[in-house]
Amino acid sequence: EAPYVTNTIRGRVVWLADALTRLHGIKTVPEARDRILALETADGQLYPLVEDVRGRAFRYDKRLREMNVELLVRQHRGSPMVQIVRVFELTDKGRFEIDYWCEICSIALFELKDCDCCQGPIELRRQPAKVD
């Protein structure tokens, strides 16, 4: 049996504490406000995100939290958290794969920071997604 299942989920990435208050009236302590990110679906389902390199991108780049996204995720057996594999922005113009790009080194990165290679600036990149 595989240690995880792969799923696609759609919605917006939000701070979990804010969503719990808004959706369920659950009050959290102030320091919990910016601790855990979650994907919130249109019907209010919350999927807490593993904060690895791809998950951390949503912490550091507010633009990502403003997007309607489709996430390809892994959910490991026994864990409520989901681990992001790929990020897509959903717009009225289509579906776009999201990453960061260093123009100098021609390499993709998965979070907003200086380039791993040249230490220069990188940019948010949106590429039309291929049909899977």
N, C-alpha and C. Protein backbone atom coordinates (compact mmCIF):
# COMPACT_ATOMS: atom_id res chain seq x y z
N GLU A 1 0.84 -1.19 0.00
CA GLU A 1 0.00 0.00 0.00
C GLU A 1 0.88 1.24 0.00
N ALA A 2 0.55 2.20 -0.84
CA ALA A 2 1.33 3.44 -0.95
C ALA A 2 1.24 4.23 0.35
N PRO A 3 2.32 4.94 0.72
CA PRO A 3 2.30 5.72 1.96
C PRO A 3 1.49 7.02 1.85
N TYR A 4 1.07 7.37 0.64
CA TYR A 4 0.29 8.59 0.45
C TYR A 4 -0.61 8.43 -0.76
N VAL A 5 -1.62 9.31 -0.83
CA VAL A 5 -2.47 9.41 -2.01
C VAL A 5 -2.22 10.78 -2.63
N THR A 6 -2.36 10.86 -3.93
CA THR A 6 -2.19 12.11 -4.65
C THR A 6 -3.57 12.61 -5.09
N ASN A 7 -3.84 13.87 -4.79
CA ASN A 7 -5.13 14.47 -5.13
C ASN A 7 -4.91 15.85 -5.71
N THR A 8 -5.96 16.37 -6.33
CA THR A 8 -5.99 17.75 -6.79
C THR A 8 -7.09 18.45 -6.00
N ILE A 9 -6.74 19.60 -5.41
CA ILE A 9 -7.71 20.38 -4.66
C ILE A 9 -7.68 21.82 -5.15
N ARG A 10 -8.82 22.48 -5.10
CA ARG A 10 -8.93 23.86 -5.60
C ARG A 10 -9.47 24.78 -4.52
N GLY A 11 -8.99 26.00 -4.54
CA GLY A 11 -9.48 27.01 -3.60
C GLY A 11 -8.47 28.13 -3.46
N ARG A 12 -8.40 28.66 -2.22
CA ARG A 12 -7.46 29.74 -1.90
C ARG A 12 -6.68 29.34 -0.67
N VAL A 13 -5.42 29.72 -0.64
CA VAL A 13 -4.61 29.45 0.54
C VAL A 13 -4.82 30.59 1.53
N VAL A 14 -5.13 30.21 2.78
CA VAL A 14 -5.47 31.16 3.84
C VAL A 14 -4.70 30.78 5.11
N TRP A 15 -4.71 31.70 6.07
CA TRP A 15 -4.20 31.36 7.40
C TRP A 15 -5.27 30.54 8.09
N LEU A 16 -4.90 29.37 8.60
CA LEU A 16 -5.85 28.44 9.20
C LEU A 16 -6.61 29.08 10.36
N ALA A 17 -5.93 29.81 11.25
CA ALA A 17 -6.60 30.42 12.40
C ALA A 17 -7.70 31.38 11.95
N ASP A 18 -7.42 32.19 10.94
CA ASP A 18 -8.43 33.12 10.43
C ASP A 18 -9.63 32.37 9.86
N ALA A 19 -9.36 31.30 9.13
CA ALA A 19 -10.45 30.51 8.53
C ALA A 19 -11.29 29.83 9.60
N LEU A 20 -10.66 29.32 10.64
CA LEU A 20 -11.41 28.68 11.73
C LEU A 20 -12.34 29.67 12.41
N THR A 21 -11.87 30.90 12.60
CA THR A 21 -12.72 31.93 13.20
C THR A 21 -13.86 32.30 12.26
N ARG A 22 -13.54 32.54 11.01
CA ARG A 22 -14.54 32.97 10.03
C ARG A 22 -15.59 31.89 9.76
N LEU A 23 -15.15 30.65 9.62
CA LEU A 23 -16.06 29.56 9.23
C LEU A 23 -16.78 28.92 10.41
N HIS A 24 -16.10 28.85 11.56
CA HIS A 24 -16.65 28.05 12.67
C HIS A 24 -16.76 28.80 13.99
N GLY A 25 -16.33 30.07 14.01
CA GLY A 25 -16.39 30.83 15.24
C GLY A 25 -15.37 30.40 16.28
N ILE A 26 -14.36 29.65 15.86
CA ILE A 26 -13.33 29.18 16.78
C ILE A 26 -12.30 30.29 16.97
N LYS A 27 -12.12 30.71 18.19
CA LYS A 27 -11.13 31.76 18.50
C LYS A 27 -9.81 31.08 18.85
N THR A 28 -8.74 31.55 18.26
CA THR A 28 -7.41 31.02 18.57
C THR A 28 -6.61 32.10 19.30
N VAL A 29 -5.51 31.71 19.90
CA VAL A 29 -4.64 32.68 20.56
C VAL A 29 -3.98 33.53 19.48
N PRO A 30 -3.64 34.79 19.80
CA PRO A 30 -3.09 35.70 18.78
C PRO A 30 -1.86 35.15 18.06
N GLU A 31 -0.99 34.45 18.75
CA GLU A 31 0.23 33.97 18.11
C GLU A 31 -0.03 32.83 17.12
N ALA A 32 -1.23 32.27 17.09
CA ALA A 32 -1.56 31.21 16.13
C ALA A 32 -1.94 31.78 14.77
N ARG A 33 -2.18 33.09 14.71
CA ARG A 33 -2.71 33.70 13.50
C ARG A 33 -1.89 33.41 12.25
N ASP A 34 -0.59 33.47 12.32
CA ASP A 34 0.23 33.27 11.12
C ASP A 34 1.14 32.04 11.24
N ARG A 35 0.62 31.01 11.86
CA ARG A 35 1.41 29.79 12.05
C ARG A 35 1.19 28.75 10.96
N ILE A 36 -0.07 28.47 10.65
CA ILE A 36 -0.37 27.37 9.73
C ILE A 36 -1.19 27.89 8.56
N LEU A 37 -0.78 27.50 7.36
CA LEU A 37 -1.50 27.81 6.13
C LEU A 37 -2.40 26.63 5.77
N ALA A 38 -3.51 26.91 5.11
CA ALA A 38 -4.42 25.85 4.68
C ALA A 38 -5.04 26.26 3.35
N LEU A 39 -5.39 25.27 2.55
CA LEU A 39 -6.17 25.54 1.36
C LEU A 39 -7.64 25.46 1.77
N GLU A 40 -8.40 26.52 1.45
CA GLU A 40 -9.84 26.55 1.72
C GLU A 40 -10.58 26.38 0.41
N THR A 41 -11.40 25.35 0.32
CA THR A 41 -12.16 25.10 -0.89
C THR A 41 -13.40 25.99 -0.92
N ALA A 42 -14.08 26.04 -2.05
CA ALA A 42 -15.28 26.87 -2.21
C ALA A 42 -16.36 26.47 -1.22
N ASP A 43 -16.40 25.20 -0.83
CA ASP A 43 -17.43 24.76 0.12
C ASP A 43 -16.96 24.80 1.58
N GLY A 44 -15.81 25.44 1.84
CA GLY A 44 -15.35 25.64 3.21
C GLY A 44 -14.51 24.52 3.80
N GLN A 45 -14.16 23.53 3.02
CA GLN A 45 -13.27 22.47 3.51
C GLN A 45 -11.87 23.04 3.67
N LEU A 46 -11.18 22.69 4.75
CA LEU A 46 -9.83 23.18 5.01
C LEU A 46 -8.82 22.05 4.94
N TYR A 47 -7.74 22.28 4.21
CA TYR A 47 -6.65 21.32 4.07
C TYR A 47 -5.37 21.99 4.58
N PRO A 48 -4.93 21.69 5.80
CA PRO A 48 -3.68 22.28 6.30
C PRO A 48 -2.51 21.88 5.41
N LEU A 49 -1.59 22.84 5.16
CA LEU A 49 -0.46 22.60 4.27
C LEU A 49 0.81 22.27 5.04
N VAL A 50 1.55 21.27 4.55
CA VAL A 50 2.90 21.02 5.05
C VAL A 50 3.74 22.20 4.59
N GLU A 51 4.48 22.77 5.50
CA GLU A 51 5.28 23.94 5.12
C GLU A 51 6.71 23.51 4.79
N ASP A 52 6.84 22.88 3.63
CA ASP A 52 8.16 22.60 3.06
C ASP A 52 8.45 23.75 2.09
N VAL A 53 9.36 23.57 1.15
CA VAL A 53 9.72 24.66 0.25
C VAL A 53 8.51 25.17 -0.54
N ARG A 54 7.70 24.28 -1.08
CA ARG A 54 6.54 24.74 -1.86
C ARG A 54 5.47 25.34 -0.97
N GLY A 55 5.24 24.77 0.18
CA GLY A 55 4.25 25.33 1.10
C GLY A 55 4.67 26.68 1.65
N ARG A 56 5.95 26.83 1.94
CA ARG A 56 6.47 28.09 2.49
C ARG A 56 6.33 29.24 1.50
N ALA A 57 6.28 28.94 0.22
CA ALA A 57 6.10 30.00 -0.79
C ALA A 57 4.86 30.84 -0.49
N PHE A 58 3.79 30.21 0.02
CA PHE A 58 2.56 30.93 0.32
C PHE A 58 2.71 31.83 1.55
N ARG A 59 3.64 31.54 2.41
CA ARG A 59 3.93 32.40 3.56
C ARG A 59 4.66 33.65 3.09
N TYR A 60 5.67 33.48 2.26
CA TYR A 60 6.55 34.58 1.87
C TYR A 60 6.02 35.46 0.76
N ASP A 61 5.08 34.97 -0.04
CA ASP A 61 4.60 35.74 -1.19
C ASP A 61 3.08 35.89 -1.11
N LYS A 62 2.65 37.04 -0.64
CA LYS A 62 1.22 37.32 -0.47
C LYS A 62 0.45 37.17 -1.78
N ARG A 63 1.11 37.42 -2.91
CA ARG A 63 0.43 37.29 -4.21
C ARG A 63 -0.15 35.90 -4.39
N LEU A 64 0.52 34.89 -3.88
CA LEU A 64 0.03 33.52 -4.02
C LEU A 64 -1.26 33.31 -3.23
N ARG A 65 -1.35 33.96 -2.06
CA ARG A 65 -2.55 33.83 -1.22
C ARG A 65 -3.74 34.59 -1.82
N GLU A 66 -3.49 35.42 -2.79
CA GLU A 66 -4.57 36.17 -3.46
C GLU A 66 -5.09 35.45 -4.70
N MET A 67 -4.48 34.33 -5.05
CA MET A 67 -4.86 33.60 -6.26
C MET A 67 -5.87 32.49 -5.96
N ASN A 68 -6.72 32.23 -6.94
CA ASN A 68 -7.48 30.98 -6.94
C ASN A 68 -6.53 29.93 -7.49
N VAL A 69 -6.32 28.87 -6.72
CA VAL A 69 -5.32 27.90 -7.12
C VAL A 69 -5.88 26.49 -7.21
N GLU A 70 -5.17 25.69 -7.96
CA GLU A 70 -5.34 24.25 -7.98
C GLU A 70 -4.02 23.68 -7.52
N LEU A 71 -4.05 22.86 -6.50
CA LEU A 71 -2.83 22.26 -5.97
C LEU A 71 -2.85 20.75 -6.21
N LEU A 72 -1.77 20.24 -6.76
CA LEU A 72 -1.55 18.81 -6.80
C LEU A 72 -0.85 18.49 -5.50
N VAL A 73 -1.45 17.64 -4.67
CA VAL A 73 -0.94 17.40 -3.33
C VAL A 73 -0.81 15.91 -3.04
N ARG A 74 0.03 15.64 -2.05
CA ARG A 74 0.14 14.30 -1.47
C ARG A 74 -0.43 14.38 -0.06
N GLN A 75 -1.26 13.40 0.28
CA GLN A 75 -1.73 13.29 1.65
C GLN A 75 -1.26 11.95 2.19
N HIS A 76 -0.37 12.05 3.18
CA HIS A 76 0.22 10.85 3.75
C HIS A 76 -0.75 10.18 4.71
N ARG A 77 -0.73 8.88 4.68
CA ARG A 77 -1.60 8.08 5.52
C ARG A 77 -1.42 8.48 6.99
N GLY A 78 -2.52 8.75 7.67
CA GLY A 78 -2.47 9.09 9.08
C GLY A 78 -2.24 10.57 9.37
N SER A 79 -2.14 11.41 8.33
CA SER A 79 -1.90 12.84 8.54
C SER A 79 -3.01 13.66 7.89
N PRO A 80 -3.51 14.70 8.58
CA PRO A 80 -4.50 15.57 7.97
C PRO A 80 -3.88 16.61 7.02
N MET A 81 -2.55 16.75 7.08
CA MET A 81 -1.85 17.76 6.28
C MET A 81 -1.69 17.27 4.84
N VAL A 82 -1.60 18.25 3.92
CA VAL A 82 -1.30 17.92 2.52
C VAL A 82 0.01 18.58 2.13
N GLN A 83 0.77 17.89 1.30
CA GLN A 83 2.07 18.36 0.83
C GLN A 83 1.94 18.76 -0.64
N ILE A 84 2.31 20.00 -0.95
CA ILE A 84 2.15 20.51 -2.32
C ILE A 84 3.21 19.93 -3.24
N VAL A 85 2.76 19.43 -4.39
CA VAL A 85 3.64 18.92 -5.43
C VAL A 85 3.75 19.94 -6.57
N ARG A 86 2.61 20.49 -6.99
CA ARG A 86 2.58 21.49 -8.06
C ARG A 86 1.52 22.53 -7.75
N VAL A 87 1.74 23.75 -8.24
CA VAL A 87 0.82 24.88 -8.01
C VAL A 87 0.36 25.42 -9.36
N PHE A 88 -0.95 25.58 -9.50
CA PHE A 88 -1.54 26.16 -10.70
C PHE A 88 -2.45 27.32 -10.29
N GLU A 89 -2.38 28.41 -11.04
CA GLU A 89 -3.32 29.51 -10.84
C GLU A 89 -4.48 29.29 -11.80
N LEU A 90 -5.70 29.49 -11.30
CA LEU A 90 -6.90 29.36 -12.11
C LEU A 90 -7.45 30.76 -12.36
N THR A 91 -7.55 31.15 -13.64
CA THR A 91 -8.08 32.46 -13.99
C THR A 91 -9.11 32.29 -15.09
N ASP A 92 -9.79 33.39 -15.43
CA ASP A 92 -10.74 33.32 -16.54
C ASP A 92 -10.03 33.16 -17.88
N LYS A 93 -8.70 33.34 -17.88
CA LYS A 93 -7.90 33.15 -19.10
C LYS A 93 -7.29 31.76 -19.19
N GLY A 94 -7.49 30.93 -18.16
CA GLY A 94 -6.97 29.58 -18.19
C GLY A 94 -6.26 29.17 -16.92
N ARG A 95 -5.53 28.09 -17.03
CA ARG A 95 -4.81 27.46 -15.93
C ARG A 95 -3.32 27.66 -16.18
N PHE A 96 -2.61 28.19 -15.17
CA PHE A 96 -1.20 28.53 -15.32
C PHE A 96 -0.38 27.88 -14.22
N GLU A 97 0.71 27.23 -14.61
CA GLU A 97 1.61 26.67 -13.61
C GLU A 97 2.44 27.81 -13.03
N ILE A 98 2.62 27.78 -11.71
CA ILE A 98 3.30 28.84 -10.98
C ILE A 98 4.61 28.34 -10.40
N ASP A 99 5.66 29.11 -10.65
CA ASP A 99 6.94 28.90 -9.97
C ASP A 99 7.69 30.23 -10.00
N TYR A 100 8.95 30.20 -9.64
CA TYR A 100 9.79 31.40 -9.70
C TYR A 100 10.92 31.12 -10.67
N TRP A 101 11.40 32.16 -11.34
CA TRP A 101 12.35 31.98 -12.43
C TRP A 101 13.50 32.96 -12.29
N CYS A 102 14.72 32.44 -12.46
CA CYS A 102 15.90 33.29 -12.53
C CYS A 102 16.26 33.43 -14.00
N GLU A 103 16.14 34.64 -14.51
CA GLU A 103 16.43 34.91 -15.92
C GLU A 103 17.91 34.72 -16.22
N ILE A 104 18.78 35.04 -15.29
CA ILE A 104 20.23 34.93 -15.50
C ILE A 104 20.65 33.47 -15.61
N CYS A 105 20.19 32.65 -14.67
CA CYS A 105 20.64 31.25 -14.61
C CYS A 105 19.71 30.28 -15.35
N SER A 106 18.54 30.76 -15.74
CA SER A 106 17.53 29.92 -16.40
C SER A 106 17.17 28.71 -15.56
N ILE A 107 16.89 28.97 -14.28
CA ILE A 107 16.46 27.88 -13.40
C ILE A 107 15.17 28.27 -12.69
N ALA A 108 14.36 27.25 -12.42
CA ALA A 108 13.12 27.44 -11.68
C ALA A 108 13.37 27.20 -10.20
N LEU A 109 12.69 27.98 -9.38
CA LEU A 109 12.72 27.80 -7.94
C LEU A 109 11.27 27.74 -7.46
N PHE A 110 11.06 27.32 -6.22
CA PHE A 110 9.70 27.10 -5.75
C PHE A 110 9.26 28.02 -4.64
N GLU A 111 10.12 28.98 -4.27
CA GLU A 111 9.73 29.99 -3.29
C GLU A 111 10.46 31.29 -3.60
N LEU A 112 9.90 32.39 -3.10
CA LEU A 112 10.46 33.71 -3.35
C LEU A 112 11.67 33.94 -2.47
N LYS A 113 12.84 34.05 -3.10
CA LYS A 113 14.11 34.28 -2.41
C LYS A 113 15.13 34.64 -3.48
N ASP A 114 16.35 34.91 -3.08
CA ASP A 114 17.40 35.11 -4.08
C ASP A 114 17.71 33.78 -4.75
N CYS A 115 18.18 33.85 -5.98
CA CYS A 115 18.53 32.65 -6.76
C CYS A 115 19.57 31.83 -6.02
N ASP A 116 19.38 30.52 -6.01
CA ASP A 116 20.34 29.62 -5.37
C ASP A 116 21.70 29.66 -6.06
N CYS A 117 21.72 29.96 -7.35
CA CYS A 117 22.95 29.93 -8.13
C CYS A 117 23.69 31.27 -8.08
N CYS A 118 23.08 32.33 -8.62
CA CYS A 118 23.77 33.62 -8.76
C CYS A 118 23.51 34.58 -7.60
N GLN A 119 22.57 34.21 -6.72
CA GLN A 119 22.15 35.05 -5.60
C GLN A 119 21.44 36.33 -6.04
N GLY A 120 21.02 36.39 -7.30
CA GLY A 120 20.30 37.54 -7.82
C GLY A 120 18.80 37.40 -7.62
N PRO A 121 18.04 38.41 -8.03
CA PRO A 121 16.59 38.38 -7.87
C PRO A 121 15.94 37.39 -8.83
N ILE A 122 14.79 36.88 -8.43
CA ILE A 122 14.00 35.98 -9.27
C ILE A 122 12.62 36.61 -9.44
N GLU A 123 11.83 36.07 -10.36
CA GLU A 123 10.50 36.61 -10.60
C GLU A 123 9.46 35.51 -10.58
N LEU A 124 8.24 35.89 -10.20
CA LEU A 124 7.12 34.98 -10.25
C LEU A 124 6.84 34.66 -11.72
N ARG A 125 6.71 33.37 -12.03
CA ARG A 125 6.48 32.97 -13.42
C ARG A 125 5.16 32.22 -13.53
N ARG A 126 4.38 32.61 -14.53
CA ARG A 126 3.11 31.94 -14.85
C ARG A 126 3.25 31.37 -16.25
N GLN A 127 3.13 30.08 -16.37
CA GLN A 127 3.21 29.44 -17.70
C GLN A 127 1.90 28.73 -17.97
N PRO A 128 1.38 28.84 -19.18
CA PRO A 128 0.16 28.07 -19.48
C PRO A 128 0.40 26.61 -19.16
N ALA A 129 -0.55 26.02 -18.44
CA ALA A 129 -0.40 24.63 -18.02
C ALA A 129 -0.73 23.69 -19.17
N LYS A 130 0.05 22.65 -19.26
CA LYS A 130 -0.22 21.61 -20.24
C LYS A 130 -1.41 20.80 -19.77
N VAL A 131 -2.17 20.31 -20.70
CA VAL A 131 -3.30 19.46 -20.35
C VAL A 131 -2.77 18.11 -19.90
N ASP A 132 -3.17 17.71 -18.69
CA ASP A 132 -2.70 16.42 -18.14
C ASP A 132 -3.52 15.27 -18.65
